[in-house]
Structure formats: C-alpha cells, structure tokens
Amino acid sequence: MRLSVHRRSSILISISCLFLAGDGVGAHEAKTGWRYPYACCSNKDCREVPARMVNESAEGYVIRTTGEIISYDDKRIRHSPDGVFHWCSISGKADTKTICLFVPPKAF
C-alpha cells in the first residue's frame, strides 16, 4: 500500500508533534522538581543560587558575580516556585549575562 505525499506529510507532522510535546524537551528541573521554562534554559543554563549572590538595590536586583543590575520590572524576573533564588545565565557560566532570575516572594 502506497501512501500519498499528503498522507506521509501528515504522519511526519504528527510524529514530530508527539516528539516535541514529550517530557523534558529542552528544559530541566530544579532540585525541588519544578521545570525551568524553555525560554530560560537549554538544559544547562539554570541553577539554584544562594540568596547572598543576589542583592537588592534601588535600581533592581544585582547579580554579585557580574555586577549586572536587573530592574524590578524586567521580563527576565520570574516568581520562584520553591522560595529560593534560581539564576539562568548564558551557558550556565558565572560570568555571563542573565537569561532569567527566579526570585522568592518578599517577606513581610
């Protein structure tokens, strides 16, 4: 039985969609089990960091290792689901630019 070109294309697209929708495509998990969003991570960029690595200033969050200031309204700032800081930087290196910064809620 021969499949038409249209039918073969449909099958390939379906298989591709299943593959892309699979578990863990391009993302990895924090220690507590939540997944870093694909936009922040390519399996090596994100990790939990101690609170002392991120300072707050009038201008925004300051990454101590790079001196980078990320304003409080920057789209790279994300809510931390587990209450600790997570930093995603280019290639996961300590001296590169921030991709995302997961910030715990402020204490009252």
PDB file of N, CA and C in Angstrom:
ATOM      1  N   MET A   1       0.842  -1.172   0.000  1.00  0.00           N
ATOM      2  CA  MET A   1       0.000   0.000   0.000  1.00  0.00           C
ATOM      3  C   MET A   1       0.890   1.239   0.000  1.00  0.00           C
ATOM      4  N   ARG A   2       0.648   2.137  -0.904  1.00  0.00           N
ATOM      5  CA  ARG A   2       1.433   3.364  -1.018  1.00  0.00           C
ATOM      6  C   ARG A   2       0.650   4.512  -0.419  1.00  0.00           C
ATOM      7  N   LEU A   3       1.336   5.323   0.346  1.00  0.00           N
ATOM      8  CA  LEU A   3       0.707   6.499   0.944  1.00  0.00           C
ATOM      9  C   LEU A   3       0.927   7.703   0.040  1.00  0.00           C
ATOM     10  N   SER A   4      -0.071   8.531  -0.028  1.00  0.00           N
ATOM     11  CA  SER A   4       0.068   9.756  -0.815  1.00  0.00           C
ATOM     12  C   SER A   4       1.058  10.695  -0.123  1.00  0.00           C
ATOM     13  N   VAL A   5       1.579  11.639  -0.876  1.00  0.00           N
ATOM     14  CA  VAL A   5       2.506  12.622  -0.321  1.00  0.00           C
ATOM     15  C   VAL A   5       1.847  13.378   0.822  1.00  0.00           C
ATOM     16  N   HIS A   6       0.592  13.739   0.655  1.00  0.00           N
ATOM     17  CA  HIS A   6      -0.143  14.462   1.702  1.00  0.00           C
ATOM     18  C   HIS A   6      -0.245  13.613   2.966  1.00  0.00           C
ATOM     19  N   ARG A   7      -0.567  12.344   2.807  1.00  0.00           N
ATOM     20  CA  ARG A   7      -0.725  11.449   3.957  1.00  0.00           C
ATOM     21  C   ARG A   7       0.619  11.250   4.673  1.00  0.00           C
ATOM     22  N   ARG A   8       1.694  11.072   3.898  1.00  0.00           N
ATOM     23  CA  ARG A   8       3.020  10.910   4.509  1.00  0.00           C
ATOM     24  C   ARG A   8       3.414  12.165   5.281  1.00  0.00           C
ATOM     25  N   SER A   9       3.117  13.320   4.710  1.00  0.00           N
ATOM     26  CA  SER A   9       3.422  14.585   5.393  1.00  0.00           C
ATOM     27  C   SER A   9       2.649  14.694   6.692  1.00  0.00           C
ATOM     28  N   SER A  10       1.386  14.313   6.655  1.00  0.00           N
ATOM     29  CA  SER A  10       0.552  14.365   7.867  1.00  0.00           C
ATOM     30  C   SER A  10       1.106  13.458   8.959  1.00  0.00           C
ATOM     31  N   ILE A  11       1.545  12.278   8.563  1.00  0.00           N
ATOM     32  CA  ILE A  11       2.101  11.332   9.533  1.00  0.00           C
ATOM     33  C   ILE A  11       3.393  11.894  10.132  1.00  0.00           C
ATOM     34  N   LEU A  12       4.263  12.439   9.293  1.00  0.00           N
ATOM     35  CA  LEU A  12       5.517  13.012   9.789  1.00  0.00           C
ATOM     36  C   LEU A  12       5.270  14.184  10.729  1.00  0.00           C
ATOM     37  N   ILE A  13       4.321  15.018  10.394  1.00  0.00           N
ATOM     38  CA  ILE A  13       3.985  16.149  11.264  1.00  0.00           C
ATOM     39  C   ILE A  13       3.457  15.647  12.599  1.00  0.00           C
ATOM     40  N   SER A  14       2.604  14.639  12.577  1.00  0.00           N
ATOM     41  CA  SER A  14       2.050  14.078  13.820  1.00  0.00           C
ATOM     42  C   SER A  14       3.149  13.500  14.704  1.00  0.00           C
ATOM     43  N   ILE A  15       4.063  12.765  14.094  1.00  0.00           N
ATOM     44  CA  ILE A  15       5.166  12.181  14.859  1.00  0.00           C
ATOM     45  C   ILE A  15       6.048  13.283  15.438  1.00  0.00           C
ATOM     46  N   SER A  16       6.324  14.307  14.646  1.00  0.00           N
ATOM     47  CA  SER A  16       7.137  15.428  15.126  1.00  0.00           C
ATOM     48  C   SER A  16       6.481  16.120  16.303  1.00  0.00           C
ATOM     49  N   CYS A  17       5.176  16.331  16.228  1.00  0.00           N
ATOM     50  CA  CYS A  17       4.452  16.984  17.325  1.00  0.00           C
ATOM     51  C   CYS A  17       4.513  16.151  18.597  1.00  0.00           C
ATOM     52  N   LEU A  18       4.371  14.845  18.466  1.00  0.00           N
ATOM     53  CA  LEU A  18       4.465  13.977  19.638  1.00  0.00           C
ATOM     54  C   LEU A  18       5.853  14.056  20.253  1.00  0.00           C
ATOM     55  N   PHE A  19       6.873  14.071  19.420  1.00  0.00           N
ATOM     56  CA  PHE A  19       8.244  14.165  19.913  1.00  0.00           C
ATOM     57  C   PHE A  19       8.469  15.486  20.638  1.00  0.00           C
ATOM     58  N   LEU A  20       8.027  16.587  20.039  1.00  0.00           N
ATOM     59  CA  LEU A  20       8.235  17.900  20.642  1.00  0.00           C
ATOM     60  C   LEU A  20       7.429  18.086  21.914  1.00  0.00           C
ATOM     61  N   ALA A  21       6.298  17.452  22.016  1.00  0.00           N
ATOM     62  CA  ALA A  21       5.455  17.577  23.202  1.00  0.00           C
ATOM     63  C   ALA A  21       5.890  16.630  24.310  1.00  0.00           C
ATOM     64  N   GLY A  22       6.872  15.810  24.043  1.00  0.00           N
ATOM     65  CA  GLY A  22       7.322  14.827  25.014  1.00  0.00           C
ATOM     66  C   GLY A  22       7.864  15.452  26.280  1.00  0.00           C
ATOM     67  N   ASP A  23       8.113  14.634  27.249  1.00  0.00           N
ATOM     68  CA  ASP A  23       8.571  15.073  28.554  1.00  0.00           C
ATOM     69  C   ASP A  23       9.997  15.601  28.487  1.00  0.00           C
ATOM     70  N   GLY A  24      10.227  16.813  29.004  1.00  0.00           N
ATOM     71  CA  GLY A  24      11.571  17.329  29.172  1.00  0.00           C
ATOM     72  C   GLY A  24      12.236  17.880  27.930  1.00  0.00           C
ATOM     73  N   VAL A  25      11.495  18.312  26.955  1.00  0.00           N
ATOM     74  CA  VAL A  25      12.104  18.839  25.740  1.00  0.00           C
ATOM     75  C   VAL A  25      12.788  20.160  26.038  1.00  0.00           C
ATOM     76  N   GLY A  26      14.099  20.170  25.990  1.00  0.00           N
ATOM     77  CA  GLY A  26      14.861  21.400  26.120  1.00  0.00           C
ATOM     78  C   GLY A  26      14.835  22.067  27.490  1.00  0.00           C
ATOM     79  N   ALA A  27      14.314  21.430  28.483  1.00  0.00           N
ATOM     80  CA  ALA A  27      14.264  22.047  29.806  1.00  0.00           C
ATOM     81  C   ALA A  27      14.766  21.045  30.836  1.00  0.00           C
ATOM     82  N   HIS A  28      15.105  21.532  32.006  1.00  0.00           N
ATOM     83  CA  HIS A  28      15.449  20.621  33.083  1.00  0.00           C
ATOM     84  C   HIS A  28      14.815  21.107  34.376  1.00  0.00           C
ATOM     85  N   GLU A  29      14.955  20.311  35.388  1.00  0.00           N
ATOM     86  CA  GLU A  29      14.247  20.572  36.635  1.00  0.00           C
ATOM     87  C   GLU A  29      15.149  21.188  37.693  1.00  0.00           C
ATOM     88  N   ALA A  30      14.503  21.981  38.539  1.00  0.00           N
ATOM     89  CA  ALA A  30      15.153  22.468  39.751  1.00  0.00           C
ATOM     90  C   ALA A  30      15.234  21.297  40.734  1.00  0.00           C
ATOM     91  N   LYS A  31      16.017  21.446  41.774  1.00  0.00           N
ATOM     92  CA  LYS A  31      16.158  20.374  42.775  1.00  0.00           C
ATOM     93  C   LYS A  31      14.823  19.925  43.348  1.00  0.00           C
ATOM     94  N   THR A  32      13.892  20.878  43.491  1.00  0.00           N
ATOM     95  CA  THR A  32      12.604  20.546  44.104  1.00  0.00           C
ATOM     96  C   THR A  32      11.593  20.000  43.104  1.00  0.00           C
ATOM     97  N   GLY A  33      11.990  19.847  41.844  1.00  0.00           N
ATOM     98  CA  GLY A  33      11.144  19.158  40.879  1.00  0.00           C
ATOM     99  C   GLY A  33      10.382  20.008  39.878  1.00  0.00           C
ATOM    100  N   TRP A  34      10.353  21.317  40.036  1.00  0.00           N
ATOM    101  CA  TRP A  34       9.654  22.128  39.027  1.00  0.00           C
ATOM    102  C   TRP A  34      10.581  22.354  37.839  1.00  0.00           C
ATOM    103  N   ARG A  35       9.983  22.538  36.690  1.00  0.00           N
ATOM    104  CA  ARG A  35      10.757  22.686  35.450  1.00  0.00           C
ATOM    105  C   ARG A  35      11.035  24.148  35.131  1.00  0.00           C
ATOM    106  N   TYR A  36      12.269  24.412  34.767  1.00  0.00           N
ATOM    107  CA  TYR A  36      12.602  25.742  34.271  1.00  0.00           C
ATOM    108  C   TYR A  36      11.937  25.910  32.907  1.00  0.00           C
ATOM    109  N   PRO A  37      11.355  27.074  32.643  1.00  0.00           N
ATOM    110  CA  PRO A  37      10.729  27.291  31.337  1.00  0.00           C
ATOM    111  C   PRO A  37      11.759  27.214  30.208  1.00  0.00           C
ATOM    112  N   TYR A  38      11.311  26.744  29.080  1.00  0.00           N
ATOM    113  CA  TYR A  38      12.189  26.611  27.918  1.00  0.00           C
ATOM    114  C   TYR A  38      12.859  27.937  27.560  1.00  0.00           C
ATOM    115  N   ALA A  39      12.139  29.043  27.713  1.00  0.00           N
ATOM    116  CA  ALA A  39      12.687  30.361  27.370  1.00  0.00           C
ATOM    117  C   ALA A  39      13.889  30.733  28.241  1.00  0.00           C
ATOM    118  N   CYS A  40      14.018  30.088  29.399  1.00  0.00           N
ATOM    119  CA  CYS A  40      15.104  30.417  30.329  1.00  0.00           C
ATOM    120  C   CYS A  40      16.271  29.445  30.265  1.00  0.00           C
ATOM    121  N   CYS A  41      16.068  28.299  29.669  1.00  0.00           N
ATOM    122  CA  CYS A  41      17.022  27.228  29.884  1.00  0.00           C
ATOM    123  C   CYS A  41      17.161  26.307  28.685  1.00  0.00           C
ATOM    124  N   SER A  42      18.383  25.877  28.449  1.00  0.00           N
ATOM    125  CA  SER A  42      18.611  24.856  27.424  1.00  0.00           C
ATOM    126  C   SER A  42      19.389  23.687  28.031  1.00  0.00           C
ATOM    127  N   ASN A  43      18.900  23.212  29.143  1.00  0.00           N
ATOM    128  CA  ASN A  43      19.440  22.048  29.850  1.00  0.00           C
ATOM    129  C   ASN A  43      20.733  22.294  30.613  1.00  0.00           C
ATOM    130  N   LYS A  44      21.217  23.530  30.651  1.00  0.00           N
ATOM    131  CA  LYS A  44      22.465  23.777  31.378  1.00  0.00           C
ATOM    132  C   LYS A  44      22.558  25.178  31.945  1.00  0.00           C
ATOM    133  N   ASP A  45      21.605  26.026  31.640  1.00  0.00           N
ATOM    134  CA  ASP A  45      21.732  27.442  31.961  1.00  0.00           C
ATOM    135  C   ASP A  45      21.277  27.828  33.366  1.00  0.00           C
ATOM    136  N   CYS A  46      20.390  27.054  33.981  1.00  0.00           N
ATOM    137  CA  CYS A  46      19.757  27.449  35.249  1.00  0.00           C
ATOM    138  C   CYS A  46      20.252  26.618  36.421  1.00  0.00           C
ATOM    139  N   ARG A  47      20.293  27.282  37.567  1.00  0.00           N
ATOM    140  CA  ARG A  47      20.644  26.578  38.807  1.00  0.00           C
ATOM    141  C   ARG A  47      20.200  27.411  39.999  1.00  0.00           C
ATOM    142  N   GLU A  48      20.017  26.702  41.112  1.00  0.00           N
ATOM    143  CA  GLU A  48      19.707  27.376  42.376  1.00  0.00           C
ATOM    144  C   GLU A  48      20.959  28.109  42.837  1.00  0.00           C
ATOM    145  N   VAL A  49      20.754  29.314  43.368  1.00  0.00           N
ATOM    146  CA  VAL A  49      21.888  30.090  43.889  1.00  0.00           C
ATOM    147  C   VAL A  49      21.551  30.579  45.292  1.00  0.00           C
ATOM    148  N   PRO A  50      22.568  30.754  46.138  1.00  0.00           N
ATOM    149  CA  PRO A  50      22.303  31.263  47.486  1.00  0.00           C
ATOM    150  C   PRO A  50      21.822  32.712  47.432  1.00  0.00           C
ATOM    151  N   ALA A  51      21.015  33.086  48.402  1.00  0.00           N
ATOM    152  CA  ALA A  51      20.456  34.442  48.455  1.00  0.00           C
ATOM    153  C   ALA A  51      21.553  35.500  48.485  1.00  0.00           C
ATOM    154  N   ARG A  52      22.698  35.187  49.044  1.00  0.00           N
ATOM    155  CA  ARG A  52      23.785  36.172  49.123  1.00  0.00           C
ATOM    156  C   ARG A  52      24.345  36.541  47.746  1.00  0.00           C
ATOM    157  N   MET A  53      24.036  35.754  46.733  1.00  0.00           N
ATOM    158  CA  MET A  53      24.522  36.046  45.385  1.00  0.00           C
ATOM    159  C   MET A  53      23.694  37.119  44.679  1.00  0.00           C
ATOM    160  N   VAL A  54      22.509  37.395  45.198  1.00  0.00           N
ATOM    161  CA  VAL A  54      21.615  38.387  44.588  1.00  0.00           C
ATOM    162  C   VAL A  54      21.299  39.450  45.630  1.00  0.00           C
ATOM    163  N   ASN A  55      21.656  40.675  45.340  1.00  0.00           N
ATOM    164  CA  ASN A  55      21.353  41.798  46.229  1.00  0.00           C
ATOM    165  C   ASN A  55      20.232  42.637  45.630  1.00  0.00           C
ATOM    166  N   GLU A  56      19.549  43.368  46.494  1.00  0.00           N
ATOM    167  CA  GLU A  56      18.536  44.308  46.024  1.00  0.00           C
ATOM    168  C   GLU A  56      19.071  45.722  46.174  1.00  0.00           C
ATOM    169  N   SER A  57      18.833  46.531  45.161  1.00  0.00           N
ATOM    170  CA  SER A  57      19.218  47.943  45.203  1.00  0.00           C
ATOM    171  C   SER A  57      18.011  48.767  44.766  1.00  0.00           C
ATOM    172  N   ALA A  58      18.150  50.074  44.791  1.00  0.00           N
ATOM    173  CA  ALA A  58      17.058  50.938  44.344  1.00  0.00           C
ATOM    174  C   ALA A  58      16.736  50.705  42.868  1.00  0.00           C
ATOM    175  N   GLU A  59      17.736  50.309  42.086  1.00  0.00           N
ATOM    176  CA  GLU A  59      17.551  50.106  40.649  1.00  0.00           C
ATOM    177  C   GLU A  59      17.004  48.731  40.288  1.00  0.00           C
ATOM    178  N   GLY A  60      17.230  47.736  41.146  1.00  0.00           N
ATOM    179  CA  GLY A  60      16.779  46.379  40.843  1.00  0.00           C
ATOM    180  C   GLY A  60      17.636  45.337  41.535  1.00  0.00           C
ATOM    181  N   TYR A  61      17.549  44.112  41.048  1.00  0.00           N
ATOM    182  CA  TYR A  61      18.352  43.015  41.585  1.00  0.00           C
ATOM    183  C   TYR A  61      19.762  43.100  41.000  1.00  0.00           C
ATOM    184  N   VAL A  62      20.758  42.903  41.855  1.00  0.00           N
ATOM    185  CA  VAL A  62      22.155  42.955  41.426  1.00  0.00           C
ATOM    186  C   VAL A  62      22.739  41.549  41.540  1.00  0.00           C
ATOM    187  N   ILE A  63      23.250  41.038  40.429  1.00  0.00           N
ATOM    188  CA  ILE A  63      23.928  39.744  40.428  1.00  0.00           C
ATOM    189  C   ILE A  63      25.369  40.004  40.871  1.00  0.00           C
ATOM    190  N   ARG A  64      25.736  39.477  42.019  1.00  0.00           N
ATOM    191  CA  ARG A  64      27.039  39.818  42.616  1.00  0.00           C
ATOM    192  C   ARG A  64      28.228  39.395  41.768  1.00  0.00           C
ATOM    193  N   THR A  65      28.136  38.252  41.107  1.00  0.00           N
ATOM    194  CA  THR A  65      29.307  37.779  40.354  1.00  0.00           C
ATOM    195  C   THR A  65      29.587  38.601  39.103  1.00  0.00           C
ATOM    196  N   THR A  66      28.559  39.246  38.559  1.00  0.00           N
ATOM    197  CA  THR A  66      28.744  40.002  37.312  1.00  0.00           C
ATOM    198  C   THR A  66      28.549  41.501  37.485  1.00  0.00           C
ATOM    199  N   GLY A  67      27.872  41.906  38.569  1.00  0.00           N
ATOM    200  CA  GLY A  67      27.540  43.314  38.752  1.00  0.00           C
ATOM    201  C   GLY A  67      26.342  43.758  37.925  1.00  0.00           C
ATOM    202  N   GLU A  68      25.760  42.834  37.198  1.00  0.00           N
ATOM    203  CA  GLU A  68      24.601  43.145  36.361  1.00  0.00           C
ATOM    204  C   GLU A  68      23.416  43.569  37.227  1.00  0.00           C
ATOM    205  N   ILE A  69      22.727  44.623  36.807  1.00  0.00           N
ATOM    206  CA  ILE A  69      21.525  45.091  37.500  1.00  0.00           C
ATOM    207  C   ILE A  69      20.321  44.770  36.626  1.00  0.00           C
ATOM    208  N   ILE A  70      19.362  44.071  37.219  1.00  0.00           N
ATOM    209  CA  ILE A  70      18.140  43.706  36.505  1.00  0.00           C
ATOM    210  C   ILE A  70      16.995  44.440  37.180  1.00  0.00           C
ATOM    211  N   SER A  71      16.389  45.374  36.472  1.00  0.00           N
ATOM    212  CA  SER A  71      15.334  46.196  37.070  1.00  0.00           C
ATOM    213  C   SER A  71      14.163  45.327  37.525  1.00  0.00           C
ATOM    214  N   TYR A  72      13.455  45.815  38.517  1.00  0.00           N
ATOM    215  CA  TYR A  72      12.362  45.053  39.110  1.00  0.00           C
ATOM    216  C   TYR A  72      11.244  44.743  38.121  1.00  0.00           C
ATOM    217  N   ASP A  73      11.117  45.542  37.077  1.00  0.00           N
ATOM    218  CA  ASP A  73      10.056  45.304  36.094  1.00  0.00           C
ATOM    219  C   ASP A  73      10.563  44.596  34.832  1.00  0.00           C
ATOM    220  N   ASP A  74      11.784  44.097  34.872  1.00  0.00           N
ATOM    221  CA  ASP A  74      12.370  43.395  33.724  1.00  0.00           C
ATOM    222  C   ASP A  74      11.635  42.075  33.495  1.00  0.00           C
ATOM    223  N   LYS A  75      11.400  41.735  32.232  1.00  0.00           N
ATOM    224  CA  LYS A  75      10.676  40.497  31.916  1.00  0.00           C
ATOM    225  C   LYS A  75      11.476  39.239  32.254  1.00  0.00           C
ATOM    226  N   ARG A  76      12.760  39.369  32.539  1.00  0.00           N
ATOM    227  CA  ARG A  76      13.572  38.212  32.936  1.00  0.00           C
ATOM    228  C   ARG A  76      13.336  37.806  34.385  1.00  0.00           C
ATOM    229  N   ILE A  77      12.711  38.674  35.163  1.00  0.00           N
ATOM    230  CA  ILE A  77      12.402  38.359  36.562  1.00  0.00           C
ATOM    231  C   ILE A  77      11.185  37.446  36.590  1.00  0.00           C
ATOM    232  N   ARG A  78      11.320  36.331  37.286  1.00  0.00           N
ATOM    233  CA  ARG A  78      10.243  35.338  37.401  1.00  0.00           C
ATOM    234  C   ARG A  78      10.015  35.002  38.870  1.00  0.00           C
ATOM    235  N   HIS A  79       8.828  34.513  39.161  1.00  0.00           N
ATOM    236  CA  HIS A  79       8.493  34.048  40.512  1.00  0.00           C
ATOM    237  C   HIS A  79       9.156  32.689  40.740  1.00  0.00           C
ATOM    238  N   SER A  80       9.778  32.525  41.889  1.00  0.00           N
ATOM    239  CA  SER A  80      10.392  31.247  42.238  1.00  0.00           C
ATOM    240  C   SER A  80       9.365  30.356  42.926  1.00  0.00           C
ATOM    241  N   PRO A  81       9.011  29.225  42.318  1.00  0.00           N
ATOM    242  CA  PRO A  81       8.004  28.334  42.900  1.00  0.00           C
ATOM    243  C   PRO A  81       8.417  27.671  44.209  1.00  0.00           C
ATOM    244  N   ASP A  82       9.718  27.590  44.474  1.00  0.00           N
ATOM    245  CA  ASP A  82      10.156  26.906  45.692  1.00  0.00           C
ATOM    246  C   ASP A  82      10.728  27.847  46.751  1.00  0.00           C
ATOM    247  N   GLY A  83      10.616  29.163  46.518  1.00  0.00           N
ATOM    248  CA  GLY A  83      11.005  30.123  47.543  1.00  0.00           C
ATOM    249  C   GLY A  83      12.488  30.422  47.656  1.00  0.00           C
ATOM    250  N   VAL A  84      13.292  29.992  46.691  1.00  0.00           N
ATOM    251  CA  VAL A  84      14.720  30.311  46.685  1.00  0.00           C
ATOM    252  C   VAL A  84      15.091  30.922  45.330  1.00  0.00           C
ATOM    253  N   PHE A  85      16.258  31.570  45.292  1.00  0.00           N
ATOM    254  CA  PHE A  85      16.715  32.168  44.043  1.00  0.00           C
ATOM    255  C   PHE A  85      17.222  31.095  43.078  1.00  0.00           C
ATOM    256  N   HIS A  86      16.928  31.302  41.812  1.00  0.00           N
ATOM    257  CA  HIS A  86      17.471  30.486  40.731  1.00  0.00           C
ATOM    258  C   HIS A  86      17.940  31.462  39.670  1.00  0.00           C
ATOM    259  N   TRP A  87      19.139  31.227  39.158  1.00  0.00           N
ATOM    260  CA  TRP A  87      19.716  32.125  38.163  1.00  0.00           C
ATOM    261  C   TRP A  87      20.008  31.342  36.895  1.00  0.00           C
ATOM    262  N   CYS A  88      19.546  31.859  35.786  1.00  0.00           N
ATOM    263  CA  CYS A  88      19.825  31.267  34.482  1.00  0.00           C
ATOM    264  C   CYS A  88      20.716  32.238  33.726  1.00  0.00           C
ATOM    265  N   SER A  89      21.894  31.784  33.372  1.00  0.00           N
ATOM    266  CA  SER A  89      22.848  32.635  32.656  1.00  0.00           C
ATOM    267  C   SER A  89      23.327  31.900  31.406  1.00  0.00           C
ATOM    268  N   ILE A  90      23.857  32.641  30.482  1.00  0.00           N
ATOM    269  CA  ILE A  90      24.289  32.061  29.216  1.00  0.00           C
ATOM    270  C   ILE A  90      25.310  30.953  29.469  1.00  0.00           C
ATOM    271  N   SER A  91      25.011  29.787  28.946  1.00  0.00           N
ATOM    272  CA  SER A  91      25.840  28.575  29.099  1.00  0.00           C
ATOM    273  C   SER A  91      26.030  28.164  30.551  1.00  0.00           C
ATOM    274  N   GLY A  92      25.241  28.720  31.463  1.00  0.00           N
ATOM    275  CA  GLY A  92      25.336  28.359  32.872  1.00  0.00           C
ATOM    276  C   GLY A  92      26.600  28.850  33.546  1.00  0.00           C
ATOM    277  N   LYS A  93      27.282  29.793  32.917  1.00  0.00           N
ATOM    278  CA  LYS A  93      28.539  30.297  33.468  1.00  0.00           C
ATOM    279  C   LYS A  93      28.291  31.422  34.460  1.00  0.00           C
ATOM    280  N   ALA A  94      29.202  31.561  35.417  1.00  0.00           N
ATOM    281  CA  ALA A  94      29.048  32.559  36.482  1.00  0.00           C
ATOM    282  C   ALA A  94      29.398  33.974  36.039  1.00  0.00           C
ATOM    283  N   ASP A  95      29.968  34.123  34.857  1.00  0.00           N
ATOM    284  CA  ASP A  95      30.394  35.454  34.416  1.00  0.00           C
ATOM    285  C   ASP A  95      29.689  35.918  33.135  1.00  0.00           C
ATOM    286  N   THR A  96      28.526  35.347  32.863  1.00  0.00           N
ATOM    287  CA  THR A  96      27.796  35.716  31.648  1.00  0.00           C
ATOM    288  C   THR A  96      26.477  36.397  31.983  1.00  0.00           C
ATOM    289  N   LYS A  97      25.828  36.877  30.965  1.00  0.00           N
ATOM    290  CA  LYS A  97      24.598  37.650  31.103  1.00  0.00           C
ATOM    291  C   LYS A  97      23.421  36.793  31.582  1.00  0.00           C
ATOM    292  N   THR A  98      22.523  37.423  32.310  1.00  0.00           N
ATOM    293  CA  THR A  98      21.336  36.760  32.846  1.00  0.00           C
ATOM    294  C   THR A  98      20.303  36.507  31.758  1.00  0.00           C
ATOM    295  N   ILE A  99      19.769  35.280  31.752  1.00  0.00           N
ATOM    296  CA  ILE A  99      18.644  34.938  30.885  1.00  0.00           C
ATOM    297  C   ILE A  99      17.353  35.107  31.682  1.00  0.00           C
ATOM    298  N   CYS A 100      17.307  34.516  32.880  1.00  0.00           N
ATOM    299  CA  CYS A 100      16.159  34.637  33.782  1.00  0.00           C
ATOM    300  C   CYS A 100      16.665  34.632  35.225  1.00  0.00           C
ATOM    301  N   LEU A 101      15.913  35.284  36.084  1.00  0.00           N
ATOM    302  CA  LEU A 101      16.198  35.263  37.515  1.00  0.00           C
ATOM    303  C   LEU A 101      14.897  34.940  38.234  1.00  0.00           C
ATOM    304  N   PHE A 102      14.881  33.803  38.929  1.00  0.00           N
ATOM    305  CA  PHE A 102      13.708  33.394  39.702  1.00  0.00           C
ATOM    306  C   PHE A 102      13.885  33.912  41.122  1.00  0.00           C
ATOM    307  N   VAL A 103      12.913  34.680  41.562  1.00  0.00           N
ATOM    308  CA  VAL A 103      13.007  35.404  42.824  1.00  0.00           C
ATOM    309  C   VAL A 103      11.932  34.906  43.789  1.00  0.00           C
ATOM    310  N   PRO A 104      12.323  34.605  45.040  1.00  0.00           N
ATOM    311  CA  PRO A 104      11.318  34.199  46.031  1.00  0.00           C
ATOM    312  C   PRO A 104      10.455  35.391  46.434  1.00  0.00           C
ATOM    313  N   PRO A 105       9.265  35.126  46.970  1.00  0.00           N
ATOM    314  CA  PRO A 105       8.426  36.241  47.429  1.00  0.00           C
ATOM    315  C   PRO A 105       9.108  36.985  48.566  1.00  0.00           C
ATOM    316  N   LYS A 106       8.853  38.264  48.647  1.00  0.00           N
ATOM    317  CA  LYS A 106       9.433  39.077  49.721  1.00  0.00           C
ATOM    318  C   LYS A 106       8.733  38.773  51.039  1.00  0.00           C
ATOM    319  N   ALA A 107       9.522  38.757  52.105  1.00  0.00           N
ATOM    320  CA  ALA A 107       8.958  38.551  53.441  1.00  0.00           C
ATOM    321  C   ALA A 107       8.306  39.844  53.914  1.00  0.00           C
ATOM    322  N   PHE A 108       7.262  39.704  54.682  1.00  0.00           N
ATOM    323  CA  PHE A 108       6.558  40.890  55.194  1.00  0.00           C
ATOM    324  C   PHE A 108       6.955  41.175  56.621  1.00  0.00           C
TER     325      PHE A 108
END
